[in-house]
Amino acid sequence: MHPPEMRARARALRARGNDIRSVARALSLPYTTVWHWCVDRPEPLMTGTAARCFRCSPDVDYPTDPAAYSYLLGLYLGDGHLVTTDRVPVLRIYCADAWPHLVDLCDAAMKAVLANKVQRIQKKGCVAVQSTGKHWPCLLSQHGPGKKHERPIILADWQRKIVTSHPGGLLRGLFHSDGCRVTNRVTVRGRKYDYPRYMFVNESADIMGLCQWALDLLGIAWRMNRRNSLSVARREAVLALDRHVGPKS
């Protein structure tokens, strides 16, 4: 079975005036397959998330808001879960009650990327911000059975392209989910000093690597203070990260 992206490409080429034979030759497909897609059973009018999926729709080559996608990807890698066993996939991101503004940010990102409707389900100590849509798996290919730190988390080439252009969005999502900005207090030679720093904690070495990569793209200094914990503490680095992350209150 051919993936939906291949059908979309064939129909897009056909819509530009190419005949069936040239489309089949361009995509290395059998003539009868392309004829079946484009003539016998042409694409129905897309509705819902299908019309906004930039991975499947021939008319949408890139997310309308790539910064929002990068942010949502960070939230998903931190506190998200994509359920694909239901009839319609469900994307859920859990936001702690301590950060009510984060719920609004997550809701807005889902709508900017794909969702037509977002639900907020109150749980014990958190809110599950969720959206149903058949095309969420197209945009979040890191989904799979089990916990994220127990399976490989690798970005697709098209995801790396988006994050390379918008690394601050990914960092914002990661720190808004599994990170924090705290005041560090130290005593040196009897004098007490207070200074802010960012902390990011995650059990997945792959997700930690993505955080490090995004920080490097922005030239922000970091260090690992534990196996699963990253710290951004230099004054200029904290100021730089402030410009990209911001509060999650």
C-alpha atoms as a PDB file:
ATOM      1  CA  MET A   1       0.000   0.000   0.000  1.00  0.00           C
ATOM      2  CA  HIS A   2       1.344   3.405  -0.967  1.00  0.00           C
ATOM      3  CA  PRO A   3       1.506   6.169   1.666  1.00  0.00           C
ATOM      4  CA  PRO A   4      -0.987   9.061   1.451  1.00  0.00           C
ATOM      5  CA  GLU A   5       1.868  11.446   0.605  1.00  0.00           C
ATOM      6  CA  MET A   6       2.439   9.556  -2.659  1.00  0.00           C
ATOM      7  CA  ARG A   7      -1.238   9.792  -3.626  1.00  0.00           C
ATOM      8  CA  ALA A   8      -1.179  13.506  -2.817  1.00  0.00           C
ATOM      9  CA  ARG A   9       1.897  14.049  -5.018  1.00  0.00           C
ATOM     10  CA  ALA A  10       0.317  12.181  -7.904  1.00  0.00           C
ATOM     11  CA  ARG A  11      -2.891  14.188  -7.694  1.00  0.00           C
ATOM     12  CA  ALA A  12      -0.961  17.442  -7.402  1.00  0.00           C
ATOM     13  CA  LEU A  13       1.021  16.651 -10.578  1.00  0.00           C
ATOM     14  CA  ARG A  14      -2.184  15.677 -12.371  1.00  0.00           C
ATOM     15  CA  ALA A  15      -3.852  18.935 -11.260  1.00  0.00           C
ATOM     16  CA  ARG A  16      -0.990  20.889 -12.885  1.00  0.00           C
ATOM     17  CA  GLY A  17      -1.925  19.479 -16.279  1.00  0.00           C
ATOM     18  CA  ASN A  18       0.365  16.431 -16.511  1.00  0.00           C
ATOM     19  CA  ASP A  19      -1.127  13.354 -18.168  1.00  0.00           C
ATOM     20  CA  ILE A  20      -1.394  10.025 -16.343  1.00  0.00           C
ATOM     21  CA  ARG A  21       1.578   8.453 -18.103  1.00  0.00           C
ATOM     22  CA  SER A  22       3.975  11.319 -17.273  1.00  0.00           C
ATOM     23  CA  VAL A  23       2.849  11.339 -13.628  1.00  0.00           C
ATOM     24  CA  ALA A  24       3.410   7.579 -13.384  1.00  0.00           C
ATOM     25  CA  ARG A  25       6.858   7.933 -14.943  1.00  0.00           C
ATOM     26  CA  ALA A  26       7.832  10.816 -12.644  1.00  0.00           C
ATOM     27  CA  LEU A  27       6.875   8.880  -9.511  1.00  0.00           C
ATOM     28  CA  SER A  28       7.952   5.410 -10.743  1.00  0.00           C
ATOM     29  CA  LEU A  29       4.428   4.086 -10.330  1.00  0.00           C
ATOM     30  CA  PRO A  30       2.301   1.784 -12.483  1.00  0.00           C
ATOM     31  CA  TYR A  31       0.049   3.584 -14.957  1.00  0.00           C
ATOM     32  CA  THR A  32      -3.048   1.817 -13.596  1.00  0.00           C
ATOM     33  CA  THR A  33      -2.298   2.944 -10.035  1.00  0.00           C
ATOM     34  CA  VAL A  34      -2.106   6.605 -11.005  1.00  0.00           C
ATOM     35  CA  TRP A  35      -5.222   6.270 -13.187  1.00  0.00           C
ATOM     36  CA  HIS A  36      -7.069   4.732 -10.237  1.00  0.00           C
ATOM     37  CA  TRP A  37      -6.077   7.585  -7.935  1.00  0.00           C
ATOM     38  CA  CYS A  38      -6.674  10.470 -10.339  1.00  0.00           C
ATOM     39  CA  VAL A  39      -9.497   9.303 -12.638  1.00  0.00           C
ATOM     40  CA  ASP A  40     -11.346   6.313 -11.250  1.00  0.00           C
ATOM     41  CA  ARG A  41     -11.408   7.563  -7.643  1.00  0.00           C
ATOM     42  CA  PRO A  42     -10.303  11.186  -7.495  1.00  0.00           C
ATOM     43  CA  GLU A  43      -9.493  12.774  -4.169  1.00  0.00           C
ATOM     44  CA  PRO A  44     -12.611  13.788  -2.235  1.00  0.00           C
ATOM     45  CA  LEU A  45     -12.896  17.272  -0.828  1.00  0.00           C
ATOM     46  CA  MET A  46     -10.663  17.359   2.231  1.00  0.00           C
ATOM     47  CA  THR A  47     -12.241  18.404   5.494  1.00  0.00           C
ATOM     48  CA  GLY A  48     -11.075  18.718   9.073  1.00  0.00           C
ATOM     49  CA  THR A  49      -7.416  18.142   9.838  1.00  0.00           C
ATOM     50  CA  ALA A  50      -6.771  16.663   6.371  1.00  0.00           C
ATOM     51  CA  ALA A  51      -7.037  20.114   4.834  1.00  0.00           C
ATOM     52  CA  ARG A  52      -4.363  21.478   7.208  1.00  0.00           C
ATOM     53  CA  CYS A  53      -1.890  18.592   7.274  1.00  0.00           C
ATOM     54  CA  PHE A  54       1.207  19.909   5.534  1.00  0.00           C
ATOM     55  CA  ARG A  55       2.510  16.348   5.223  1.00  0.00           C
ATOM     56  CA  CYS A  56      -0.466  15.085   3.209  1.00  0.00           C
ATOM     57  CA  SER A  57      -2.157  18.014   1.493  1.00  0.00           C
ATOM     58  CA  PRO A  58      -0.638  18.880  -1.894  1.00  0.00           C
ATOM     59  CA  ASP A  59      -1.589  22.509  -1.322  1.00  0.00           C
ATOM     60  CA  VAL A  60       0.220  22.850   2.017  1.00  0.00           C
ATOM     61  CA  ASP A  61       3.999  22.489   1.692  1.00  0.00           C
ATOM     62  CA  TYR A  62       4.963  23.821   5.126  1.00  0.00           C
ATOM     63  CA  PRO A  63       3.230  24.498   8.456  1.00  0.00           C
ATOM     64  CA  THR A  64       1.427  27.814   8.417  1.00  0.00           C
ATOM     65  CA  ASP A  65       3.110  28.609  11.746  1.00  0.00           C
ATOM     66  CA  PRO A  66       6.456  26.742  11.965  1.00  0.00           C
ATOM     67  CA  ALA A  67       7.365  28.422  15.266  1.00  0.00           C
ATOM     68  CA  ALA A  68       4.144  27.065  16.803  1.00  0.00           C
ATOM     69  CA  TYR A  69       4.963  23.606  15.423  1.00  0.00           C
ATOM     70  CA  SER A  70       8.440  23.704  16.964  1.00  0.00           C
ATOM     71  CA  TYR A  71       6.919  24.758  20.307  1.00  0.00           C
ATOM     72  CA  LEU A  72       4.253  22.039  20.173  1.00  0.00           C
ATOM     73  CA  LEU A  73       6.903  19.447  19.316  1.00  0.00           C
ATOM     74  CA  GLY A  74       8.819  20.455  22.450  1.00  0.00           C
ATOM     75  CA  LEU A  75       5.689  20.184  24.605  1.00  0.00           C
ATOM     76  CA  TYR A  76       4.906  16.774  23.132  1.00  0.00           C
ATOM     77  CA  LEU A  77       8.429  15.447  23.712  1.00  0.00           C
ATOM     78  CA  GLY A  78       8.222  16.643  27.297  1.00  0.00           C
ATOM     79  CA  ASP A  79       4.718  15.951  28.601  1.00  0.00           C
ATOM     80  CA  GLY A  80       2.802  14.724  25.574  1.00  0.00           C
ATOM     81  CA  HIS A  81       1.236  11.449  24.523  1.00  0.00           C
ATOM     82  CA  LEU A  82      -0.256  10.464  21.171  1.00  0.00           C
ATOM     83  CA  VAL A  83      -2.878   7.714  21.331  1.00  0.00           C
ATOM     84  CA  THR A  84      -3.211   5.925  18.003  1.00  0.00           C
ATOM     85  CA  THR A  85      -5.190   2.875  19.145  1.00  0.00           C
ATOM     86  CA  ASP A  86      -8.530   4.714  19.187  1.00  0.00           C
ATOM     87  CA  ARG A  87     -10.640   5.111  16.054  1.00  0.00           C
ATOM     88  CA  VAL A  88      -9.321   8.668  15.739  1.00  0.00           C
ATOM     89  CA  PRO A  89      -5.850   9.520  17.126  1.00  0.00           C
ATOM     90  CA  VAL A  90      -5.755  11.762  20.192  1.00  0.00           C
ATOM     91  CA  LEU A  91      -2.915  14.105  21.087  1.00  0.00           C
ATOM     92  CA  ARG A  92      -2.748  14.841  24.819  1.00  0.00           C
ATOM     93  CA  ILE A  93      -0.358  17.182  26.579  1.00  0.00           C
ATOM     94  CA  TYR A  94      -0.487  17.375  30.355  1.00  0.00           C
ATOM     95  CA  CYS A  95      -0.082  20.808  31.950  1.00  0.00           C
ATOM     96  CA  ALA A  96       0.306  21.197  35.714  1.00  0.00           C
ATOM     97  CA  ASP A  97      -2.352  23.208  37.558  1.00  0.00           C
ATOM     98  CA  ALA A  98       0.468  25.367  38.923  1.00  0.00           C
ATOM     99  CA  TRP A  99       0.898  26.903  35.457  1.00  0.00           C
ATOM    100  CA  PRO A 100      -2.575  27.943  34.188  1.00  0.00           C
ATOM    101  CA  HIS A 101      -1.135  30.154  31.421  1.00  0.00           C
ATOM    102  CA  LEU A 102       0.637  27.115  29.985  1.00  0.00           C
ATOM    103  CA  VAL A 103      -2.770  25.574  29.217  1.00  0.00           C
ATOM    104  CA  ASP A 104      -3.629  28.582  27.036  1.00  0.00           C
ATOM    105  CA  LEU A 105      -0.261  28.434  25.267  1.00  0.00           C
ATOM    106  CA  CYS A 106      -0.662  24.719  24.545  1.00  0.00           C
ATOM    107  CA  ASP A 107      -4.235  25.200  23.317  1.00  0.00           C
ATOM    108  CA  ALA A 108      -3.145  27.993  20.970  1.00  0.00           C
ATOM    109  CA  ALA A 109      -0.233  25.939  19.588  1.00  0.00           C
ATOM    110  CA  MET A 110      -2.462  22.958  18.795  1.00  0.00           C
ATOM    111  CA  LYS A 111      -4.893  25.197  16.922  1.00  0.00           C
ATOM    112  CA  ALA A 112      -2.098  26.963  15.055  1.00  0.00           C
ATOM    113  CA  VAL A 113      -0.631  23.662  13.861  1.00  0.00           C
ATOM    114  CA  LEU A 114      -3.595  21.393  13.095  1.00  0.00           C
ATOM    115  CA  ALA A 115      -6.479  21.255  15.564  1.00  0.00           C
ATOM    116  CA  ASN A 116      -9.940  22.554  14.747  1.00  0.00           C
ATOM    117  CA  LYS A 117     -11.069  21.959  18.321  1.00  0.00           C
ATOM    118  CA  VAL A 118      -9.185  21.537  21.595  1.00  0.00           C
ATOM    119  CA  GLN A 119     -10.542  20.050  24.805  1.00  0.00           C
ATOM    120  CA  ARG A 120      -9.353  20.666  28.365  1.00  0.00           C
ATOM    121  CA  ILE A 121      -9.865  17.742  30.733  1.00  0.00           C
ATOM    122  CA  GLN A 122      -9.222  18.390  34.414  1.00  0.00           C
ATOM    123  CA  LYS A 123      -7.171  15.669  36.074  1.00  0.00           C
ATOM    124  CA  LYS A 124      -5.710  15.406  39.549  1.00  0.00           C
ATOM    125  CA  GLY A 125      -3.089  18.133  39.688  1.00  0.00           C
ATOM    126  CA  CYS A 126      -3.046  18.832  35.957  1.00  0.00           C
ATOM    127  CA  VAL A 127      -5.083  19.595  32.854  1.00  0.00           C
ATOM    128  CA  ALA A 128      -4.985  17.281  29.838  1.00  0.00           C
ATOM    129  CA  VAL A 129      -5.076  19.532  26.772  1.00  0.00           C
ATOM    130  CA  GLN A 130      -6.172  17.271  23.936  1.00  0.00           C
ATOM    131  CA  SER A 131      -7.194  17.257  20.296  1.00  0.00           C
ATOM    132  CA  THR A 132      -8.489  14.449  18.102  1.00  0.00           C
ATOM    133  CA  GLY A 133      -7.362  14.262  14.492  1.00  0.00           C
ATOM    134  CA  LYS A 134      -6.453  11.556  12.004  1.00  0.00           C
ATOM    135  CA  HIS A 135      -3.379  13.495  10.901  1.00  0.00           C
ATOM    136  CA  TRP A 136      -1.615  14.039  14.235  1.00  0.00           C
ATOM    137  CA  PRO A 137       0.537  10.912  13.608  1.00  0.00           C
ATOM    138  CA  CYS A 138       1.705  12.507  10.341  1.00  0.00           C
ATOM    139  CA  LEU A 139       3.137  15.465  12.250  1.00  0.00           C
ATOM    140  CA  LEU A 140       4.485  13.666  15.329  1.00  0.00           C
ATOM    141  CA  SER A 141       6.313  10.657  14.003  1.00  0.00           C
ATOM    142  CA  GLN A 142       8.018  10.058  17.381  1.00  0.00           C
ATOM    143  CA  HIS A 143       4.916   8.354  18.766  1.00  0.00           C
ATOM    144  CA  GLY A 144       5.090   4.683  19.669  1.00  0.00           C
ATOM    145  CA  PRO A 145       4.336   2.139  22.384  1.00  0.00           C
ATOM    146  CA  GLY A 146       5.935   2.534  25.779  1.00  0.00           C
ATOM    147  CA  LYS A 147       7.739   5.398  27.461  1.00  0.00           C
ATOM    148  CA  LYS A 148       9.754   7.860  25.390  1.00  0.00           C
ATOM    149  CA  HIS A 149      12.994   7.216  27.275  1.00  0.00           C
ATOM    150  CA  GLU A 150      12.704   3.506  26.470  1.00  0.00           C
ATOM    151  CA  ARG A 151      12.618   3.955  22.686  1.00  0.00           C
ATOM    152  CA  PRO A 152      14.617   5.999  20.159  1.00  0.00           C
ATOM    153  CA  ILE A 153      13.484   9.595  19.635  1.00  0.00           C
ATOM    154  CA  ILE A 154      14.858  10.813  16.303  1.00  0.00           C
ATOM    155  CA  LEU A 155      13.605  13.784  14.304  1.00  0.00           C
ATOM    156  CA  ALA A 156      12.712  13.294  10.654  1.00  0.00           C
ATOM    157  CA  ASP A 157      14.640  15.403   8.143  1.00  0.00           C
ATOM    158  CA  TRP A 158      11.675  17.743   7.641  1.00  0.00           C
ATOM    159  CA  GLN A 159      11.345  18.202  11.417  1.00  0.00           C
ATOM    160  CA  ARG A 160      15.052  19.030  11.746  1.00  0.00           C
ATOM    161  CA  LYS A 161      14.623  21.647   9.033  1.00  0.00           C
ATOM    162  CA  ILE A 162      11.809  23.325  10.973  1.00  0.00           C
ATOM    163  CA  VAL A 163      13.655  23.201  14.303  1.00  0.00           C
ATOM    164  CA  THR A 164      16.866  24.499  12.706  1.00  0.00           C
ATOM    165  CA  SER A 165      14.887  27.565  11.623  1.00  0.00           C
ATOM    166  CA  HIS A 166      13.034  27.852  14.954  1.00  0.00           C
ATOM    167  CA  PRO A 167      15.203  26.344  17.728  1.00  0.00           C
ATOM    168  CA  GLY A 168      13.774  28.767  20.270  1.00  0.00           C
ATOM    169  CA  GLY A 169      10.321  27.260  19.800  1.00  0.00           C
ATOM    170  CA  LEU A 170      11.557  23.759  20.594  1.00  0.00           C
ATOM    171  CA  LEU A 171      13.430  25.010  23.664  1.00  0.00           C
ATOM    172  CA  ARG A 172      10.377  26.871  24.854  1.00  0.00           C
ATOM    173  CA  GLY A 173       8.293  23.713  24.626  1.00  0.00           C
ATOM    174  CA  LEU A 174      10.930  21.562  26.322  1.00  0.00           C
ATOM    175  CA  PHE A 175      11.502  23.978  29.208  1.00  0.00           C
ATOM    176  CA  HIS A 176       7.767  24.649  29.584  1.00  0.00           C
ATOM    177  CA  SER A 177       7.206  20.918  30.027  1.00  0.00           C
ATOM    178  CA  ASP A 178      10.231  19.334  31.715  1.00  0.00           C
ATOM    179  CA  GLY A 179      12.163  22.445  32.667  1.00  0.00           C
ATOM    180  CA  CYS A 180      12.062  25.413  35.005  1.00  0.00           C
ATOM    181  CA  ARG A 181      13.669  28.775  35.751  1.00  0.00           C
ATOM    182  CA  VAL A 182      14.791  28.953  39.362  1.00  0.00           C
ATOM    183  CA  THR A 183      16.773  31.210  41.661  1.00  0.00           C
ATOM    184  CA  ASN A 184      20.025  29.577  42.709  1.00  0.00           C
ATOM    185  CA  ARG A 185      21.463  30.622  46.077  1.00  0.00           C
ATOM    186  CA  VAL A 186      25.130  30.158  46.904  1.00  0.00           C
ATOM    187  CA  THR A 187      27.457  31.353  49.643  1.00  0.00           C
ATOM    188  CA  VAL A 188      31.002  32.334  48.724  1.00  0.00           C
ATOM    189  CA  ARG A 189      33.429  33.441  51.456  1.00  0.00           C
ATOM    190  CA  GLY A 190      30.557  34.241  53.751  1.00  0.00           C
ATOM    191  CA  ARG A 191      28.627  36.309  51.211  1.00  0.00           C
ATOM    192  CA  LYS A 192      25.301  35.105  49.811  1.00  0.00           C
ATOM    193  CA  TYR A 193      24.540  35.404  46.111  1.00  0.00           C
ATOM    194  CA  ASP A 194      21.290  34.850  44.228  1.00  0.00           C
ATOM    195  CA  TYR A 195      21.215  34.270  40.487  1.00  0.00           C
ATOM    196  CA  PRO A 196      18.685  32.767  38.043  1.00  0.00           C
ATOM    197  CA  ARG A 197      19.295  29.621  36.079  1.00  0.00           C
ATOM    198  CA  TYR A 198      17.362  27.233  33.868  1.00  0.00           C
ATOM    199  CA  MET A 199      17.114  23.509  34.551  1.00  0.00           C
ATOM    200  CA  PHE A 200      15.933  20.799  32.152  1.00  0.00           C
ATOM    201  CA  VAL A 201      15.436  17.243  33.351  1.00  0.00           C
ATOM    202  CA  ASN A 202      14.568  14.287  31.111  1.00  0.00           C
ATOM    203  CA  GLU A 203      15.302  10.571  31.257  1.00  0.00           C
ATOM    204  CA  SER A 204      15.586  10.244  27.472  1.00  0.00           C
ATOM    205  CA  ALA A 205      19.142  10.674  26.225  1.00  0.00           C
ATOM    206  CA  ASP A 206      17.741  11.426  22.752  1.00  0.00           C
ATOM    207  CA  ILE A 207      15.442  14.210  23.988  1.00  0.00           C
ATOM    208  CA  MET A 208      18.264  15.621  26.109  1.00  0.00           C
ATOM    209  CA  GLY A 209      20.411  15.600  22.974  1.00  0.00           C
ATOM    210  CA  LEU A 210      17.761  17.578  21.085  1.00  0.00           C
ATOM    211  CA  CYS A 211      17.728  20.174  23.867  1.00  0.00           C
ATOM    212  CA  GLN A 212      21.524  20.450  23.707  1.00  0.00           C
ATOM    213  CA  TRP A 213      21.424  20.730  19.905  1.00  0.00           C
ATOM    214  CA  ALA A 214      18.850  23.551  19.985  1.00  0.00           C
ATOM    215  CA  LEU A 215      20.880  25.424  22.599  1.00  0.00           C
ATOM    216  CA  ASP A 216      23.987  25.060  20.449  1.00  0.00           C
ATOM    217  CA  LEU A 217      22.102  26.441  17.438  1.00  0.00           C
ATOM    218  CA  LEU A 218      21.444  29.609  19.451  1.00  0.00           C
ATOM    219  CA  GLY A 219      24.944  29.743  20.925  1.00  0.00           C
ATOM    220  CA  ILE A 220      23.652  29.328  24.490  1.00  0.00           C
ATOM    221  CA  ALA A 221      26.128  27.777  26.939  1.00  0.00           C
ATOM    222  CA  TRP A 222      24.953  24.775  28.952  1.00  0.00           C
ATOM    223  CA  ARG A 223      26.364  21.980  31.065  1.00  0.00           C
ATOM    224  CA  MET A 224      25.178  18.648  32.415  1.00  0.00           C
ATOM    225  CA  ASN A 225      25.089  18.723  36.223  1.00  0.00           C
ATOM    226  CA  ARG A 226      23.703  15.180  36.373  1.00  0.00           C
ATOM    227  CA  ARG A 227      23.163  12.323  33.936  1.00  0.00           C
ATOM    228  CA  ASN A 228      19.588  13.436  33.264  1.00  0.00           C
ATOM    229  CA  SER A 229      19.798  17.131  34.155  1.00  0.00           C
ATOM    230  CA  LEU A 230      20.975  20.115  32.107  1.00  0.00           C
ATOM    231  CA  SER A 231      21.754  23.556  33.513  1.00  0.00           C
ATOM    232  CA  VAL A 232      21.975  26.988  31.876  1.00  0.00           C
ATOM    233  CA  ALA A 233      23.519  29.280  34.472  1.00  0.00           C
ATOM    234  CA  ARG A 234      25.866  31.839  32.914  1.00  0.00           C
ATOM    235  CA  ARG A 235      24.384  35.308  33.066  1.00  0.00           C
ATOM    236  CA  GLU A 236      24.530  35.957  29.309  1.00  0.00           C
ATOM    237  CA  ALA A 237      23.184  32.459  28.577  1.00  0.00           C
ATOM    238  CA  VAL A 238      20.217  32.940  30.928  1.00  0.00           C
ATOM    239  CA  LEU A 239      19.435  36.310  29.342  1.00  0.00           C
ATOM    240  CA  ALA A 240      19.565  34.735  25.878  1.00  0.00           C
ATOM    241  CA  LEU A 241      17.274  31.885  26.905  1.00  0.00           C
ATOM    242  CA  ASP A 242      14.872  34.364  28.515  1.00  0.00           C
ATOM    243  CA  ARG A 243      14.283  35.842  25.063  1.00  0.00           C
ATOM    244  CA  HIS A 244      13.154  32.469  23.710  1.00  0.00           C
ATOM    245  CA  VAL A 245      11.475  30.669  26.612  1.00  0.00           C
ATOM    246  CA  GLY A 246       9.693  33.185  28.806  1.00  0.00           C
ATOM    247  CA  PRO A 247       7.397  32.398  31.754  1.00  0.00           C
ATOM    248  CA  LYS A 248       4.959  29.503  31.831  1.00  0.00           C
ATOM    249  CA  SER A 249       2.923  30.899  34.748  1.00  0.00           C
END
